[in-house]
Amino acid sequence: MNDAYDEALQPTLLLPDWPAPSTVGAFVTTRETGPSQGPFAAFNTARHVGDEPAMVERCRELLRAELDDDRPLLWLDQVHGAKVQLGYVADIPQADAAVALDQRYACVVQTADCLPVFFCDRRGTRVGLAHAGWRGLAGGVLEATVASLRCEPEELMAWLGPAISKAQFEVGPEVFEAFVAFQPEAAEAFEPSPYRLGHYMADIYRLARLRLERLGIGQISGGHFCTACEPRFYSHRRDDGQTGRMASVIWLR
């Protein structure tokens, strides 16, 4: 059977549970099905993790087929910063978020514990996607993405995709200090770690919600996953760094 029609190789997709307009397409891949092998099983789209290049390209081709047209995917070179890419370029830009104000391309970020944050406006005319680990969150990647969407924050909604949960996310005091110095109420997203003195268990979902609420975004959905607990997701922390990446994708139909 041709690989393109082999159901065992097709990605199993997680669809956002948010009230987005029908003009918005979005999903997150999982590792439940696909052609990837070994520690990268079963649907790894990341080129930088040590997986066989031909297998990664195979997954990317299968991923492309999940869109309902032939538009390109805008892949990013993610560096845990706050730069937002607006507009499609063939060369992979260094950025941690992307915005699309038309139908020419789809935005993609890759994660394996960091938080993918999806955005769209209530009319379904613009979309955005941010890769938000703790450094990106503290550095303002959500704020930069919202600004790049070029509309009032009150007109936006957000969905928080699969990320590591508070029960599994131990961080050092520098993480606590970075968030609380900017937003004192962020202290509520931390609890003292039971494992190491002076460390904290951090709620990345709560930290993101606080940032989004501060911007004036009232419609926030999602945020109930744990990549380190659920085997359907890749987890950099659970798998000691040898793992693949999920791809989060959003586009305007």
Protein backbone atom coordinates (compact mmCIF):
# COMPACT_ATOMS: atom_id res chain seq x y z
CA MET A 1 0.00 0.00 0.00
CA ASN A 2 1.23 3.52 -0.80
CA ASP A 3 2.47 5.31 2.32
CA ALA A 4 0.24 8.30 1.53
CA TYR A 5 -2.82 6.11 2.11
CA ASP A 6 -1.54 3.91 4.92
CA GLU A 7 -3.62 4.85 7.98
CA ALA A 8 -0.95 3.55 10.35
CA LEU A 9 1.42 6.25 9.10
CA GLN A 10 -0.99 9.17 9.29
CA PRO A 11 -0.64 11.47 12.30
CA THR A 12 -3.15 11.24 15.13
CA LEU A 13 -4.21 14.83 15.69
CA LEU A 14 -5.33 16.75 18.76
CA LEU A 15 -7.86 19.44 17.85
CA PRO A 16 -8.19 22.59 20.00
CA ASP A 17 -11.35 22.77 22.10
CA TRP A 18 -12.01 26.48 21.63
CA PRO A 19 -14.81 28.52 20.02
CA ALA A 20 -12.78 29.56 16.98
CA PRO A 21 -14.62 30.55 13.77
CA SER A 22 -14.87 27.96 10.99
CA THR A 23 -12.32 29.90 8.95
CA VAL A 24 -9.60 28.86 11.42
CA GLY A 25 -7.89 25.50 11.04
CA ALA A 26 -5.67 24.20 13.86
CA PHE A 27 -4.25 21.01 15.33
CA VAL A 28 -1.37 19.47 17.28
CA THR A 29 0.29 16.24 16.20
CA THR A 30 0.84 13.43 18.72
CA ARG A 31 3.24 10.48 18.81
CA GLU A 32 0.47 7.86 18.70
CA THR A 33 0.80 6.93 15.01
CA GLY A 34 3.30 7.57 12.24
CA PRO A 35 6.47 6.27 10.58
CA SER A 36 9.13 7.47 13.07
CA GLN A 37 11.16 4.80 14.87
CA GLY A 38 12.90 4.21 18.20
CA PRO A 39 12.88 7.07 20.72
CA PHE A 40 11.37 9.31 18.03
CA ALA A 41 8.32 7.12 17.44
CA ALA A 42 5.91 7.70 16.01
CA PHE A 43 5.55 11.13 14.36
CA ASN A 44 8.59 13.36 14.76
CA THR A 45 8.77 16.50 12.60
CA ALA A 46 11.96 17.98 14.13
CA ARG A 47 15.22 17.99 12.17
CA HIS A 48 17.46 19.00 15.07
CA VAL A 49 16.91 16.13 17.53
CA GLY A 50 19.07 13.39 15.96
CA ASP A 51 16.35 11.53 14.08
CA GLU A 52 17.00 10.08 10.61
CA PRO A 53 16.59 12.99 8.16
CA ALA A 54 14.64 10.95 5.62
CA MET A 55 12.16 9.91 8.29
CA VAL A 56 11.67 13.51 9.43
CA GLU A 57 10.95 14.60 5.87
CA ARG A 58 8.49 11.74 5.51
CA CYS A 59 6.61 12.99 8.57
CA ARG A 60 6.64 16.55 7.25
CA GLU A 61 5.15 15.40 3.95
CA LEU A 62 2.39 13.53 5.79
CA LEU A 63 1.80 16.60 7.95
CA ARG A 64 1.45 18.82 4.88
CA ALA A 65 -1.25 16.51 3.56
CA GLU A 66 -3.39 17.25 6.64
CA LEU A 67 -4.04 20.79 5.42
CA ASP A 68 -6.95 21.29 3.07
CA ASP A 69 -4.94 23.02 0.32
CA ASP A 70 -1.40 23.32 -1.03
CA ARG A 71 -0.18 26.33 0.97
CA PRO A 72 3.33 26.09 2.47
CA LEU A 73 4.14 25.55 6.14
CA LEU A 74 6.13 28.28 7.86
CA TRP A 75 8.71 26.41 9.95
CA LEU A 76 10.77 28.34 12.52
CA ASP A 77 14.25 28.08 13.99
CA GLN A 78 13.14 28.37 17.62
CA VAL A 79 15.55 29.87 20.16
CA HIS A 80 13.35 30.52 23.24
CA GLY A 81 13.07 34.19 22.40
CA ALA A 82 10.25 36.63 21.66
CA LYS A 83 10.68 37.36 17.94
CA VAL A 84 7.54 36.97 15.80
CA GLN A 85 7.64 36.09 12.10
CA LEU A 86 5.03 37.86 9.97
CA GLY A 87 5.02 36.77 6.35
CA TYR A 88 6.23 33.61 4.64
CA VAL A 89 9.90 33.14 3.75
CA ALA A 90 11.44 30.06 2.16
CA ASP A 91 14.51 30.18 4.41
CA ILE A 92 13.67 29.10 7.95
CA PRO A 93 13.58 32.30 10.05
CA GLN A 94 14.85 32.47 13.63
CA ALA A 95 11.74 33.20 15.67
CA ASP A 96 9.51 31.69 18.36
CA ALA A 97 6.13 32.81 17.09
CA ALA A 98 4.38 33.41 13.79
CA VAL A 99 1.33 35.32 12.65
CA ALA A 100 -0.76 34.98 9.46
CA LEU A 101 -3.12 37.75 8.36
CA ASP A 102 -4.11 35.98 5.14
CA GLN A 103 -4.39 32.51 3.61
CA ARG A 104 -0.95 32.27 1.98
CA TYR A 105 0.73 29.98 4.54
CA ALA A 106 0.23 28.03 7.78
CA CYS A 107 2.09 28.80 11.01
CA VAL A 108 3.98 25.99 12.79
CA VAL A 109 5.81 25.66 16.12
CA GLN A 110 7.37 22.53 17.59
CA THR A 111 7.29 21.53 21.26
CA ALA A 112 8.05 18.72 23.70
CA ASP A 113 7.19 20.25 27.13
CA CYS A 114 7.13 23.94 26.18
CA LEU A 115 3.72 25.49 25.69
CA PRO A 116 2.18 26.12 22.25
CA VAL A 117 -0.25 29.04 22.43
CA PHE A 118 -2.78 29.42 19.60
CA PHE A 119 -4.45 32.73 18.76
CA CYS A 120 -7.24 33.89 16.48
CA ASP A 121 -9.62 36.83 16.36
CA ARG A 122 -13.36 36.41 16.85
CA ARG A 123 -14.07 37.10 13.17
CA GLY A 124 -11.58 34.49 11.98
CA THR A 125 -9.47 36.87 9.92
CA ARG A 126 -6.07 36.47 11.60
CA VAL A 127 -4.19 33.74 13.47
CA GLY A 128 -1.00 33.37 15.47
CA LEU A 129 1.02 30.70 17.22
CA ALA A 130 3.70 31.04 19.91
CA HIS A 131 6.32 28.65 21.31
CA ALA A 132 6.34 29.52 24.99
CA GLY A 133 8.80 27.85 27.29
CA TRP A 134 9.57 29.68 30.52
CA ARG A 135 12.25 31.83 28.88
CA GLY A 136 9.93 32.85 26.06
CA LEU A 137 7.09 33.58 28.46
CA ALA A 138 9.31 35.68 30.70
CA GLY A 139 10.80 37.37 27.65
CA GLY A 140 7.44 38.51 26.30
CA VAL A 141 6.72 36.15 23.42
CA LEU A 142 2.96 36.24 24.10
CA GLU A 143 2.91 40.02 24.26
CA ALA A 144 4.89 40.25 21.01
CA THR A 145 2.55 37.81 19.26
CA VAL A 146 -0.55 39.72 20.34
CA ALA A 147 0.98 42.98 19.13
CA SER A 148 1.76 41.40 15.75
CA LEU A 149 -1.86 40.32 15.29
CA ARG A 150 -2.75 44.01 14.84
CA CYS A 151 -6.12 44.09 16.54
CA GLU A 152 -7.51 44.86 19.96
CA PRO A 153 -6.68 42.11 22.50
CA GLU A 154 -10.35 42.00 23.48
CA GLU A 155 -11.07 40.68 19.97
CA LEU A 156 -8.70 37.73 20.42
CA MET A 157 -9.07 34.25 21.88
CA ALA A 158 -6.33 31.83 22.88
CA TRP A 159 -5.95 28.08 23.32
CA LEU A 160 -3.20 26.57 25.48
CA GLY A 161 -1.94 23.32 23.95
CA PRO A 162 0.00 20.37 25.41
CA ALA A 163 2.78 21.34 27.83
CA ILE A 164 4.41 20.04 30.98
CA SER A 165 2.24 20.24 34.10
CA LYS A 166 3.04 21.86 37.42
CA ALA A 167 3.46 18.44 39.06
CA GLN A 168 6.38 17.66 36.73
CA PHE A 169 7.98 21.07 36.14
CA GLU A 170 10.63 21.81 38.74
CA VAL A 171 12.52 25.08 38.21
CA GLY A 172 15.21 27.08 39.94
CA PRO A 173 14.84 30.36 41.85
CA GLU A 174 15.87 32.37 38.79
CA VAL A 175 12.64 31.33 37.06
CA PHE A 176 10.52 32.43 40.02
CA GLU A 177 12.36 35.75 40.21
CA ALA A 178 12.04 36.44 36.46
CA PHE A 179 8.25 36.18 36.53
CA VAL A 180 7.52 37.80 39.88
CA ALA A 181 9.74 40.80 39.13
CA PHE A 182 7.55 41.55 36.10
CA GLN A 183 4.17 40.52 37.53
CA PRO A 184 3.98 40.03 41.34
CA GLU A 185 0.81 37.93 41.10
CA ALA A 186 2.83 35.32 39.18
CA ALA A 187 3.91 34.03 42.60
CA GLU A 188 0.62 32.13 42.72
CA ALA A 189 1.86 29.91 39.86
CA PHE A 190 4.72 28.52 42.00
CA GLU A 191 4.94 26.15 44.94
CA PRO A 192 8.08 25.13 46.86
CA SER A 193 9.56 21.97 45.40
CA PRO A 194 9.35 18.85 47.59
CA TYR A 195 12.51 17.57 45.91
CA ARG A 196 15.10 20.36 46.21
CA LEU A 197 15.42 23.23 48.67
CA GLY A 198 15.08 26.63 47.04
CA HIS A 199 13.42 25.26 43.91
CA TYR A 200 9.81 25.49 42.78
CA MET A 201 7.14 23.58 40.93
CA ALA A 202 5.97 25.97 38.20
CA ASP A 203 2.54 26.08 36.57
CA ILE A 204 3.34 27.16 33.01
CA TYR A 205 -0.36 27.25 32.15
CA ARG A 206 -1.12 29.67 34.97
CA LEU A 207 1.85 31.83 34.03
CA ALA A 208 0.57 32.05 30.45
CA ARG A 209 -2.98 32.84 31.58
CA LEU A 210 -1.76 35.65 33.80
CA ARG A 211 0.13 37.19 30.90
CA LEU A 212 -2.84 36.86 28.53
CA GLU A 213 -5.30 38.26 31.07
CA ARG A 214 -2.98 41.18 31.71
CA LEU A 215 -3.14 41.93 27.97
CA GLY A 216 -6.94 41.94 28.06
CA ILE A 217 -7.66 38.57 26.46
CA GLY A 218 -10.72 37.11 28.18
CA GLN A 219 -11.42 33.98 26.11
CA ILE A 220 -8.70 31.48 27.08
CA SER A 221 -9.22 27.73 26.60
CA GLY A 222 -7.14 24.58 27.04
CA GLY A 223 -4.34 24.16 29.53
CA HIS A 224 -5.28 20.76 30.96
CA PHE A 225 -2.54 18.52 29.55
CA CYS A 226 0.77 17.12 30.78
CA THR A 227 3.36 16.17 28.19
CA ALA A 228 5.54 14.49 30.83
CA CYS A 229 2.65 12.34 32.12
CA GLU A 230 0.79 11.41 28.94
CA PRO A 231 2.59 8.92 26.63
CA ARG A 232 0.83 10.29 23.55
CA PHE A 233 3.08 13.36 23.77
CA TYR A 234 6.83 13.86 23.40
CA SER A 235 8.52 15.11 26.57
CA HIS A 236 12.09 16.40 26.64
CA ARG A 237 12.22 16.18 30.43
CA ARG A 238 10.64 12.73 30.80
CA ASP A 239 12.78 11.22 28.05
CA ASP A 240 16.08 12.80 29.14
CA GLY A 241 16.37 14.89 26.01
CA GLN A 242 16.23 12.06 23.47
CA THR A 243 12.82 12.50 21.92
CA GLY A 244 10.92 14.04 19.02
CA ARG A 245 8.69 17.08 18.78
CA MET A 246 4.98 17.64 18.29
CA ALA A 247 4.00 20.11 15.59
CA SER A 248 1.32 22.71 16.32
CA VAL A 249 -0.24 24.19 13.19
CA ILE A 250 -2.73 27.01 12.58
CA TRP A 251 -4.00 28.60 9.37
CA LEU A 252 -6.84 30.56 7.80
CA ARG A 253 -9.06 28.46 5.55
